[in-house]
Amino acid sequence: MNDFDWVSEISELDHVLNKAFHFDPVAKGDDSDYETLIKTLVGLGFESEYDTPMFLTGRESVAGLFSYRDKDGNLKFVYTSVGGDDYLEHIKDFASDESIGGDIALVDAREFVR
């Protein structure tokens, strides 16, 4: 066994897959952090699900984005307007129905894009 065999287990998506990206404050209107996160996910092969906006306009607001692999193996991201203390539980409920599983990590979206 090679000392570096563990490296093969690291996916290029580990830093974004099964992440509950939380926006604090909530992303609204022309939010560059939101747009940067969307561009990052799309660049890695993720696709928008459930009409998740690619950019925000007007009064649209997003509390968070969840990146996951759906039950067919496709990379997806979905938004939620549910924020606050219920955010992570909301994402976990969604993930149990829609994703193939895995541990979900809460990530500060604004810190991630900087």
Protein backbone atom coordinates (compact mmCIF):
# COMPACT_ATOMS: atom_id res chain seq x y z
CA MET A 1 0.00 0.00 0.00
CA ASN A 2 1.30 3.39 -1.00
CA ASP A 3 1.41 6.26 1.51
CA PHE A 4 -0.65 8.34 -0.91
CA ASP A 5 -3.44 5.83 -1.73
CA TRP A 6 -5.89 7.93 0.30
CA VAL A 7 -5.57 10.71 -2.31
CA SER A 8 -7.51 8.63 -4.85
CA GLU A 9 -10.53 8.75 -2.54
CA ILE A 10 -10.71 12.55 -2.72
CA SER A 11 -13.10 13.79 -5.36
CA GLU A 12 -12.68 17.07 -7.18
CA LEU A 13 -16.23 17.81 -6.00
CA ASP A 14 -15.72 17.19 -2.27
CA HIS A 15 -15.49 20.90 -1.54
CA VAL A 16 -18.95 21.55 -3.04
CA LEU A 17 -20.93 18.28 -2.99
CA ASN A 18 -23.59 17.85 -0.26
CA LYS A 19 -23.07 21.38 0.96
CA ALA A 20 -25.82 23.54 2.42
CA PHE A 21 -24.55 26.97 1.40
CA HIS A 22 -26.16 29.54 3.70
CA PHE A 23 -26.40 33.26 2.90
CA ASP A 24 -26.26 35.63 5.86
CA PRO A 25 -27.61 38.12 5.14
CA VAL A 26 -30.09 36.57 2.73
CA ALA A 27 -29.12 37.03 -0.93
CA LYS A 28 -31.36 39.58 -2.67
CA GLY A 29 -31.49 41.44 -5.95
CA ASP A 30 -28.12 41.89 -7.62
CA ASP A 31 -26.05 39.79 -5.18
CA SER A 32 -22.57 39.11 -6.57
CA ASP A 33 -21.82 36.36 -4.00
CA TYR A 34 -24.89 34.44 -5.14
CA GLU A 35 -23.90 34.80 -8.80
CA THR A 36 -20.31 33.70 -8.06
CA LEU A 37 -21.51 30.58 -6.24
CA ILE A 38 -23.87 29.71 -9.11
CA LYS A 39 -21.09 30.16 -11.68
CA THR A 40 -18.78 27.95 -9.59
CA LEU A 41 -21.33 25.15 -9.36
CA VAL A 42 -22.26 25.33 -13.04
CA GLY A 43 -18.56 25.31 -13.97
CA LEU A 44 -18.19 22.05 -12.05
CA GLY A 45 -21.08 20.43 -13.92
CA PHE A 46 -23.98 21.09 -11.55
CA GLU A 47 -27.40 21.92 -13.00
CA SER A 48 -30.16 24.10 -11.59
CA GLU A 49 -33.15 22.20 -10.22
CA TYR A 50 -36.70 23.35 -9.36
CA ASP A 51 -36.38 26.72 -11.09
CA THR A 52 -33.42 27.82 -9.02
CA PRO A 53 -32.56 31.24 -10.45
CA MET A 54 -29.18 31.71 -12.10
CA PHE A 55 -29.20 35.33 -10.89
CA LEU A 56 -31.51 37.31 -8.65
CA THR A 57 -33.67 40.19 -9.78
CA GLY A 58 -36.11 42.50 -8.07
CA ARG A 59 -37.52 41.12 -4.83
CA GLU A 60 -36.22 37.56 -5.21
CA SER A 61 -34.35 36.33 -2.15
CA VAL A 62 -32.40 33.18 -1.37
CA ALA A 63 -31.40 31.98 2.08
CA GLY A 64 -29.30 29.14 0.74
CA LEU A 65 -28.31 26.68 -1.97
CA PHE A 66 -27.90 22.94 -1.58
CA SER A 67 -25.55 21.05 -3.91
CA TYR A 68 -26.13 17.33 -4.28
CA ARG A 69 -26.16 14.27 -6.51
CA ASP A 70 -29.71 13.21 -7.32
CA LYS A 71 -30.92 9.61 -7.27
CA ASP A 72 -30.04 9.27 -10.97
CA GLY A 73 -26.46 10.38 -10.27
CA ASN A 74 -26.81 13.88 -11.76
CA LEU A 75 -25.18 16.88 -10.09
CA LYS A 76 -27.83 19.40 -9.02
CA PHE A 77 -28.27 22.52 -6.94
CA VAL A 78 -31.47 23.91 -5.51
CA TYR A 79 -32.31 27.08 -3.64
CA THR A 80 -34.42 27.71 -0.57
CA SER A 81 -35.91 30.81 0.95
CA VAL A 82 -36.12 29.09 4.35
CA GLY A 83 -33.46 30.57 6.61
CA GLY A 84 -32.64 30.91 10.26
CA ASP A 85 -32.50 28.03 12.71
CA ASP A 86 -34.64 25.81 10.47
CA TYR A 87 -32.31 26.04 7.46
CA LEU A 88 -30.20 22.92 7.99
CA GLU A 89 -33.19 20.77 8.99
CA HIS A 90 -35.04 21.95 5.89
CA ILE A 91 -32.09 20.91 3.71
CA LYS A 92 -31.78 17.54 5.44
CA ASP A 93 -35.48 16.83 4.82
CA PHE A 94 -35.08 17.70 1.16
CA ALA A 95 -31.91 15.62 0.85
CA SER A 96 -33.54 12.52 2.33
CA ASP A 97 -36.10 12.59 -0.51
CA GLU A 98 -34.03 13.86 -3.43
CA SER A 99 -30.35 12.98 -3.08
CA ILE A 100 -28.36 9.76 -2.96
CA GLY A 101 -27.21 10.67 0.52
CA GLY A 102 -24.03 11.55 2.28
CA ASP A 103 -23.20 13.84 5.14
CA ILE A 104 -24.41 17.39 4.67
CA ALA A 105 -22.13 20.23 5.71
CA LEU A 106 -23.32 23.74 6.48
CA VAL A 107 -21.13 26.28 4.66
CA ASP A 108 -21.10 30.08 4.87
CA ALA A 109 -21.73 30.91 1.20
CA ARG A 110 -20.22 34.38 1.44
CA GLU A 111 -16.99 33.06 2.97
CA PHE A 112 -16.82 30.25 0.41
CA VAL A 113 -16.82 32.56 -2.61
CA ARG A 114 -14.16 34.88 -1.20
